[in-house]
Amino acid sequence: MQSIKLVKHCSPDGYTYGLKTYAGKEDYRISLATDIVLTLCAPYLHAGQTIVTDNYYTSLPLANALLDAQTHLVGTLRIN
């Protein structure tokens, strides 16, 4: 049985602005987590916004990709 994951882009007050389903292997440019963030936040890139992520999505490649898109990143990091 294959699992399906739903990933949501939400506002601080809980409204859902975007939704992505993931049902298995996909081709991704950098990593799955980075591509999910870049896909869901595409409308907010190049606008000087700040994206907040948890430790699953926060990474140096994501931070660099967002900086290239004039967007900031705030998030927790895993020790590894």
PDB file of N, CA and C in Angstrom:
ATOM      1  N   MET A   1       0.839  -1.174   0.000  1.00  0.00           N
ATOM      2  CA  MET A   1       0.000   0.000   0.000  1.00  0.00           C
ATOM      3  C   MET A   1       0.888   1.242   0.000  1.00  0.00           C
ATOM      4  N   GLN A   2       0.554   2.165  -0.833  1.00  0.00           N
ATOM      5  CA  GLN A   2       1.327   3.397  -0.963  1.00  0.00           C
ATOM      6  C   GLN A   2       0.682   4.512  -0.149  1.00  0.00           C
ATOM      7  N   SER A   3       1.509   5.288   0.520  1.00  0.00           N
ATOM      8  CA  SER A   3       0.966   6.389   1.312  1.00  0.00           C
ATOM      9  C   SER A   3       0.920   7.667   0.477  1.00  0.00           C
ATOM     10  N   ILE A   4       0.010   8.532   0.820  1.00  0.00           N
ATOM     11  CA  ILE A   4      -0.139   9.831   0.163  1.00  0.00           C
ATOM     12  C   ILE A   4       0.063  10.900   1.221  1.00  0.00           C
ATOM     13  N   LYS A   5       0.906  11.873   0.903  1.00  0.00           N
ATOM     14  CA  LYS A   5       1.152  12.967   1.829  1.00  0.00           C
ATOM     15  C   LYS A   5       0.534  14.239   1.272  1.00  0.00           C
ATOM     16  N   LEU A   6      -0.048  15.020   2.139  1.00  0.00           N
ATOM     17  CA  LEU A   6      -0.570  16.329   1.778  1.00  0.00           C
ATOM     18  C   LEU A   6       0.287  17.381   2.463  1.00  0.00           C
ATOM     19  N   VAL A   7       0.743  18.349   1.691  1.00  0.00           N
ATOM     20  CA  VAL A   7       1.551  19.425   2.228  1.00  0.00           C
ATOM     21  C   VAL A   7       0.794  20.718   1.958  1.00  0.00           C
ATOM     22  N   LYS A   8       0.636  21.547   3.012  1.00  0.00           N
ATOM     23  CA  LYS A   8      -0.151  22.772   2.871  1.00  0.00           C
ATOM     24  C   LYS A   8       0.694  24.004   3.134  1.00  0.00           C
ATOM     25  N   HIS A   9       0.371  25.055   2.423  1.00  0.00           N
ATOM     26  CA  HIS A   9       0.929  26.382   2.677  1.00  0.00           C
ATOM     27  C   HIS A   9      -0.153  27.149   3.420  1.00  0.00           C
ATOM     28  N   CYS A  10       0.134  27.498   4.681  1.00  0.00           N
ATOM     29  CA  CYS A  10      -0.885  28.110   5.537  1.00  0.00           C
ATOM     30  C   CYS A  10      -0.441  29.472   6.043  1.00  0.00           C
ATOM     31  N   SER A  11      -1.427  30.299   6.345  1.00  0.00           N
ATOM     32  CA  SER A  11      -1.169  31.588   6.975  1.00  0.00           C
ATOM     33  C   SER A  11      -1.001  31.358   8.475  1.00  0.00           C
ATOM     34  N   PRO A  12      -0.448  32.338   9.202  1.00  0.00           N
ATOM     35  CA  PRO A  12      -0.295  32.171  10.651  1.00  0.00           C
ATOM     36  C   PRO A  12      -1.620  31.919  11.382  1.00  0.00           C
ATOM     37  N   ASP A  13      -2.725  32.393  10.817  1.00  0.00           N
ATOM     38  CA  ASP A  13      -4.013  32.177  11.481  1.00  0.00           C
ATOM     39  C   ASP A  13      -4.737  30.929  10.985  1.00  0.00           C
ATOM     40  N   GLY A  14      -4.063  30.081  10.193  1.00  0.00           N
ATOM     41  CA  GLY A  14      -4.609  28.773   9.852  1.00  0.00           C
ATOM     42  C   GLY A  14      -5.281  28.624   8.505  1.00  0.00           C
ATOM     43  N   TYR A  15      -5.364  29.684   7.706  1.00  0.00           N
ATOM     44  CA  TYR A  15      -5.972  29.568   6.386  1.00  0.00           C
ATOM     45  C   TYR A  15      -5.024  28.866   5.422  1.00  0.00           C
ATOM     46  N   THR A  16      -5.553  27.979   4.596  1.00  0.00           N
ATOM     47  CA  THR A  16      -4.750  27.263   3.614  1.00  0.00           C
ATOM     48  C   THR A  16      -4.730  28.057   2.310  1.00  0.00           C
ATOM     49  N   TYR A  17      -3.505  28.342   1.832  1.00  0.00           N
ATOM     50  CA  TYR A  17      -3.344  29.085   0.573  1.00  0.00           C
ATOM     51  C   TYR A  17      -2.911  28.189  -0.578  1.00  0.00           C
ATOM     52  N   GLY A  18      -2.321  27.060  -0.268  1.00  0.00           N
ATOM     53  CA  GLY A  18      -1.871  26.156  -1.312  1.00  0.00           C
ATOM     54  C   GLY A  18      -1.802  24.741  -0.777  1.00  0.00           C
ATOM     55  N   LEU A  19      -1.932  23.767  -1.675  1.00  0.00           N
ATOM     56  CA  LEU A  19      -1.935  22.367  -1.290  1.00  0.00           C
ATOM     57  C   LEU A  19      -1.200  21.573  -2.352  1.00  0.00           C
ATOM     58  N   LYS A  20      -0.326  20.666  -1.914  1.00  0.00           N
ATOM     59  CA  LYS A  20       0.384  19.795  -2.845  1.00  0.00           C
ATOM     60  C   LYS A  20       0.259  18.370  -2.344  1.00  0.00           C
ATOM     61  N   THR A  21      -0.067  17.461  -3.237  1.00  0.00           N
ATOM     62  CA  THR A  21      -0.126  16.042  -2.875  1.00  0.00           C
ATOM     63  C   THR A  21       1.148  15.364  -3.346  1.00  0.00           C
ATOM     64  N   TYR A  22       1.603  14.418  -2.578  1.00  0.00           N
ATOM     65  CA  TYR A  22       2.793  13.647  -2.916  1.00  0.00           C
ATOM     66  C   TYR A  22       2.465  12.183  -2.715  1.00  0.00           C
ATOM     67  N   ALA A  23       2.556  11.400  -3.787  1.00  0.00           N
ATOM     68  CA  ALA A  23       2.166   9.993  -3.709  1.00  0.00           C
ATOM     69  C   ALA A  23       3.309   9.054  -4.065  1.00  0.00           C
ATOM     70  N   GLY A  24       4.503   9.539  -4.096  1.00  0.00           N
ATOM     71  CA  GLY A  24       5.628   8.674  -4.417  1.00  0.00           C
ATOM     72  C   GLY A  24       6.740   9.433  -5.089  1.00  0.00           C
ATOM     73  N   LYS A  25       7.558   8.694  -5.778  1.00  0.00           N
ATOM     74  CA  LYS A  25       8.749   9.262  -6.380  1.00  0.00           C
ATOM     75  C   LYS A  25       8.399  10.280  -7.456  1.00  0.00           C
ATOM     76  N   GLU A  26       9.039  11.440  -7.361  1.00  0.00           N
ATOM     77  CA  GLU A  26       8.912  12.493  -8.372  1.00  0.00           C
ATOM     78  C   GLU A  26      10.310  12.970  -8.717  1.00  0.00           C
ATOM     79  N   ASP A  27      10.458  13.596  -9.859  1.00  0.00           N
ATOM     80  CA  ASP A  27      11.713  14.244 -10.192  1.00  0.00           C
ATOM     81  C   ASP A  27      11.734  15.601  -9.528  1.00  0.00           C
ATOM     82  N   TYR A  28      12.820  15.906  -8.837  1.00  0.00           N
ATOM     83  CA  TYR A  28      12.921  17.203  -8.198  1.00  0.00           C
ATOM     84  C   TYR A  28      14.304  17.772  -8.430  1.00  0.00           C
ATOM     85  N   ARG A  29      14.376  19.093  -8.451  1.00  0.00           N
ATOM     86  CA  ARG A  29      15.615  19.786  -8.803  1.00  0.00           C
ATOM     87  C   ARG A  29      16.662  19.681  -7.712  1.00  0.00           C
ATOM     88  N   ILE A  30      16.313  20.026  -6.485  1.00  0.00           N
ATOM     89  CA  ILE A  30      17.293  20.055  -5.395  1.00  0.00           C
ATOM     90  C   ILE A  30      17.005  18.927  -4.419  1.00  0.00           C
ATOM     91  N   SER A  31      15.888  18.988  -3.751  1.00  0.00           N
ATOM     92  CA  SER A  31      15.418  17.919  -2.867  1.00  0.00           C
ATOM     93  C   SER A  31      13.903  18.023  -2.809  1.00  0.00           C
ATOM     94  N   LEU A  32      13.279  16.978  -2.341  1.00  0.00           N
ATOM     95  CA  LEU A  32      11.819  16.977  -2.262  1.00  0.00           C
ATOM     96  C   LEU A  32      11.325  18.118  -1.392  1.00  0.00           C
ATOM     97  N   ALA A  33      11.896  18.263  -0.198  1.00  0.00           N
ATOM     98  CA  ALA A  33      11.441  19.304   0.727  1.00  0.00           C
ATOM     99  C   ALA A  33      11.640  20.699   0.139  1.00  0.00           C
ATOM    100  N   THR A  34      12.782  20.937  -0.488  1.00  0.00           N
ATOM    101  CA  THR A  34      13.057  22.249  -1.089  1.00  0.00           C
ATOM    102  C   THR A  34      12.096  22.530  -2.226  1.00  0.00           C
ATOM    103  N   ASP A  35      11.866  21.553  -3.081  1.00  0.00           N
ATOM    104  CA  ASP A  35      10.947  21.762  -4.204  1.00  0.00           C
ATOM    105  C   ASP A  35       9.518  22.001  -3.744  1.00  0.00           C
ATOM    106  N   ILE A  36       9.100  21.348  -2.665  1.00  0.00           N
ATOM    107  CA  ILE A  36       7.752  21.586  -2.131  1.00  0.00           C
ATOM    108  C   ILE A  36       7.609  23.039  -1.703  1.00  0.00           C
ATOM    109  N   VAL A  37       8.595  23.543  -0.952  1.00  0.00           N
ATOM    110  CA  VAL A  37       8.534  24.928  -0.489  1.00  0.00           C
ATOM    111  C   VAL A  37       8.549  25.892  -1.666  1.00  0.00           C
ATOM    112  N   LEU A  38       9.432  25.669  -2.635  1.00  0.00           N
ATOM    113  CA  LEU A  38       9.520  26.572  -3.780  1.00  0.00           C
ATOM    114  C   LEU A  38       8.248  26.545  -4.624  1.00  0.00           C
ATOM    115  N   THR A  39       7.630  25.385  -4.748  1.00  0.00           N
ATOM    116  CA  THR A  39       6.389  25.277  -5.517  1.00  0.00           C
ATOM    117  C   THR A  39       5.230  25.984  -4.820  1.00  0.00           C
ATOM    118  N   LEU A  40       5.058  25.702  -3.530  1.00  0.00           N
ATOM    119  CA  LEU A  40       3.931  26.294  -2.808  1.00  0.00           C
ATOM    120  C   LEU A  40       4.096  27.796  -2.600  1.00  0.00           C
ATOM    121  N   CYS A  41       5.315  28.269  -2.528  1.00  0.00           N
ATOM    122  CA  CYS A  41       5.553  29.694  -2.259  1.00  0.00           C
ATOM    123  C   CYS A  41       5.882  30.491  -3.511  1.00  0.00           C
ATOM    124  N   ALA A  42       5.743  29.896  -4.683  1.00  0.00           N
ATOM    125  CA  ALA A  42       6.083  30.579  -5.938  1.00  0.00           C
ATOM    126  C   ALA A  42       5.411  31.952  -6.088  1.00  0.00           C
ATOM    127  N   PRO A  43       4.149  32.129  -5.703  1.00  0.00           N
ATOM    128  CA  PRO A  43       3.539  33.453  -5.869  1.00  0.00           C
ATOM    129  C   PRO A  43       4.164  34.537  -4.986  1.00  0.00           C
ATOM    130  N   TYR A  44       4.929  34.138  -3.976  1.00  0.00           N
ATOM    131  CA  TYR A  44       5.481  35.098  -3.024  1.00  0.00           C
ATOM    132  C   TYR A  44       6.968  35.370  -3.235  1.00  0.00           C
ATOM    133  N   LEU A  45       7.574  34.680  -4.204  1.00  0.00           N
ATOM    134  CA  LEU A  45       8.987  34.883  -4.477  1.00  0.00           C
ATOM    135  C   LEU A  45       9.193  36.213  -5.198  1.00  0.00           C
ATOM    136  N   HIS A  46      10.377  36.777  -5.079  1.00  0.00           N
ATOM    137  CA  HIS A  46      10.771  38.042  -5.712  1.00  0.00           C
ATOM    138  C   HIS A  46       9.946  39.215  -5.200  1.00  0.00           C
ATOM    139  N   ALA A  47       9.422  39.117  -3.993  1.00  0.00           N
ATOM    140  CA  ALA A  47       8.608  40.199  -3.435  1.00  0.00           C
ATOM    141  C   ALA A  47       9.110  40.648  -2.064  1.00  0.00           C
ATOM    142  N   GLY A  48      10.284  40.178  -1.644  1.00  0.00           N
ATOM    143  CA  GLY A  48      10.824  40.581  -0.364  1.00  0.00           C
ATOM    144  C   GLY A  48      10.107  39.971   0.825  1.00  0.00           C
ATOM    145  N   GLN A  49       9.453  38.848   0.625  1.00  0.00           N
ATOM    146  CA  GLN A  49       8.710  38.182   1.698  1.00  0.00           C
ATOM    147  C   GLN A  49       9.649  37.321   2.552  1.00  0.00           C
ATOM    148  N   THR A  50       9.160  36.853   3.692  1.00  0.00           N
ATOM    149  CA  THR A  50       9.885  35.912   4.545  1.00  0.00           C
ATOM    150  C   THR A  50       9.053  34.645   4.667  1.00  0.00           C
ATOM    151  N   ILE A  51       9.686  33.495   4.409  1.00  0.00           N
ATOM    152  CA  ILE A  51       9.040  32.195   4.489  1.00  0.00           C
ATOM    153  C   ILE A  51       9.479  31.543   5.802  1.00  0.00           C
ATOM    154  N   VAL A  52       8.533  30.948   6.543  1.00  0.00           N
ATOM    155  CA  VAL A  52       8.833  30.271   7.802  1.00  0.00           C
ATOM    156  C   VAL A  52       8.578  28.779   7.614  1.00  0.00           C
ATOM    157  N   THR A  53       9.581  27.953   7.967  1.00  0.00           N
ATOM    158  CA  THR A  53       9.451  26.498   7.813  1.00  0.00           C
ATOM    159  C   THR A  53       9.846  25.793   9.106  1.00  0.00           C
ATOM    160  N   ASP A  54       9.441  24.520   9.213  1.00  0.00           N
ATOM    161  CA  ASP A  54       9.900  23.720  10.345  1.00  0.00           C
ATOM    162  C   ASP A  54      11.164  22.971   9.950  1.00  0.00           C
ATOM    163  N   ASN A  55      11.680  22.149  10.855  1.00  0.00           N
ATOM    164  CA  ASN A  55      12.992  21.548  10.626  1.00  0.00           C
ATOM    165  C   ASN A  55      13.036  20.525   9.492  1.00  0.00           C
ATOM    166  N   TYR A  56      11.909  20.011   9.044  1.00  0.00           N
ATOM    167  CA  TYR A  56      11.925  19.091   7.902  1.00  0.00           C
ATOM    168  C   TYR A  56      12.248  19.829   6.610  1.00  0.00           C
ATOM    169  N   TYR A  57      11.800  21.048   6.472  1.00  0.00           N
ATOM    170  CA  TYR A  57      11.958  21.802   5.228  1.00  0.00           C
ATOM    171  C   TYR A  57      13.150  22.746   5.231  1.00  0.00           C
ATOM    172  N   THR A  58      13.614  23.192   6.382  1.00  0.00           N
ATOM    173  CA  THR A  58      14.699  24.161   6.462  1.00  0.00           C
ATOM    174  C   THR A  58      16.022  23.512   6.073  1.00  0.00           C
ATOM    175  N   SER A  59      16.718  24.139   5.124  1.00  0.00           N
ATOM    176  CA  SER A  59      18.024  23.636   4.712  1.00  0.00           C
ATOM    177  C   SER A  59      18.816  24.770   4.068  1.00  0.00           C
ATOM    178  N   LEU A  60      20.114  24.581   3.972  1.00  0.00           N
ATOM    179  CA  LEU A  60      20.959  25.575   3.323  1.00  0.00           C
ATOM    180  C   LEU A  60      20.625  25.715   1.833  1.00  0.00           C
ATOM    181  N   PRO A  61      20.396  24.616   1.096  1.00  0.00           N
ATOM    182  CA  PRO A  61      19.997  24.775  -0.311  1.00  0.00           C
ATOM    183  C   PRO A  61      18.688  25.560  -0.476  1.00  0.00           C
ATOM    184  N   LEU A  62      17.730  25.354   0.431  1.00  0.00           N
ATOM    185  CA  LEU A  62      16.486  26.117   0.366  1.00  0.00           C
ATOM    186  C   LEU A  62      16.757  27.588   0.640  1.00  0.00           C
ATOM    187  N   ALA A  63      17.559  27.872   1.666  1.00  0.00           N
ATOM    188  CA  ALA A  63      17.880  29.262   1.998  1.00  0.00           C
ATOM    189  C   ALA A  63      18.553  29.957   0.816  1.00  0.00           C
ATOM    190  N   ASN A  64      19.482  29.271   0.155  1.00  0.00           N
ATOM    191  CA  ASN A  64      20.157  29.862  -1.005  1.00  0.00           C
ATOM    192  C   ASN A  64      19.199  30.078  -2.174  1.00  0.00           C
ATOM    193  N   ALA A  65      18.319  29.106  -2.416  1.00  0.00           N
ATOM    194  CA  ALA A  65      17.347  29.255  -3.511  1.00  0.00           C
ATOM    195  C   ALA A  65      16.398  30.422  -3.239  1.00  0.00           C
ATOM    196  N   LEU A  66      15.967  30.569  -1.989  1.00  0.00           N
ATOM    197  CA  LEU A  66      15.076  31.679  -1.656  1.00  0.00           C
ATOM    198  C   LEU A  66      15.797  33.024  -1.723  1.00  0.00           C
ATOM    199  N   LEU A  67      17.058  33.068  -1.291  1.00  0.00           N
ATOM    200  CA  LEU A  67      17.813  34.315  -1.402  1.00  0.00           C
ATOM    201  C   LEU A  67      17.984  34.723  -2.855  1.00  0.00           C
ATOM    202  N   ASP A  68      18.194  33.745  -3.741  1.00  0.00           N
ATOM    203  CA  ASP A  68      18.271  34.032  -5.181  1.00  0.00           C
ATOM    204  C   ASP A  68      16.961  34.625  -5.688  1.00  0.00           C
ATOM    205  N   ALA A  69      15.861  34.285  -5.012  1.00  0.00           N
ATOM    206  CA  ALA A  69      14.533  34.789  -5.388  1.00  0.00           C
ATOM    207  C   ALA A  69      14.120  35.981  -4.527  1.00  0.00           C
ATOM    208  N   GLN A  70      15.099  36.635  -3.884  1.00  0.00           N
ATOM    209  CA  GLN A  70      14.854  37.824  -3.060  1.00  0.00           C
ATOM    210  C   GLN A  70      13.813  37.555  -1.973  1.00  0.00           C
ATOM    211  N   THR A  71      13.922  36.388  -1.348  1.00  0.00           N
ATOM    212  CA  THR A  71      12.998  35.967  -0.302  1.00  0.00           C
ATOM    213  C   THR A  71      13.806  35.455   0.880  1.00  0.00           C
ATOM    214  N   HIS A  72      13.380  35.754   2.076  1.00  0.00           N
ATOM    215  CA  HIS A  72      14.094  35.338   3.279  1.00  0.00           C
ATOM    216  C   HIS A  72      13.503  34.061   3.864  1.00  0.00           C
ATOM    217  N   LEU A  73      14.298  33.363   4.673  1.00  0.00           N
ATOM    218  CA  LEU A  73      13.861  32.115   5.292  1.00  0.00           C
ATOM    219  C   LEU A  73      14.121  32.184   6.787  1.00  0.00           C
ATOM    220  N   VAL A  74      13.115  31.797   7.575  1.00  0.00           N
ATOM    221  CA  VAL A  74      13.262  31.616   9.012  1.00  0.00           C
ATOM    222  C   VAL A  74      12.782  30.205   9.314  1.00  0.00           C
ATOM    223  N   GLY A  75      13.578  29.442  10.034  1.00  0.00           N
ATOM    224  CA  GLY A  75      13.159  28.091  10.356  1.00  0.00           C
ATOM    225  C   GLY A  75      14.070  27.434  11.355  1.00  0.00           C
ATOM    226  N   THR A  76      13.595  26.355  11.930  1.00  0.00           N
ATOM    227  CA  THR A  76      14.413  25.566  12.849  1.00  0.00           C
ATOM    228  C   THR A  76      15.281  24.601  12.056  1.00  0.00           C
ATOM    229  N   LEU A  77      16.403  24.207  12.638  1.00  0.00           N
ATOM    230  CA  LEU A  77      17.329  23.307  11.966  1.00  0.00           C
ATOM    231  C   LEU A  77      17.472  22.013  12.734  1.00  0.00           C
ATOM    232  N   ARG A  78      17.713  20.923  12.018  1.00  0.00           N
ATOM    233  CA  ARG A  78      18.059  19.662  12.647  1.00  0.00           C
ATOM    234  C   ARG A  78      19.559  19.646  12.905  1.00  0.00           C
ATOM    235  N   ILE A  79      19.975  18.917  13.888  1.00  0.00           N
ATOM    236  CA  ILE A  79      21.377  18.897  14.238  1.00  0.00           C
ATOM    237  C   ILE A  79      22.244  18.242  13.150  1.00  0.00           C
ATOM    238  N   ASN A  80      21.650  17.361  12.367  1.00  0.00           N
ATOM    239  CA  ASN A  80      22.423  16.682  11.309  1.00  0.00           C
ATOM    240  C   ASN A  80      22.428  17.501  10.045  1.00  0.00           C
TER     241      ASN A  80
END
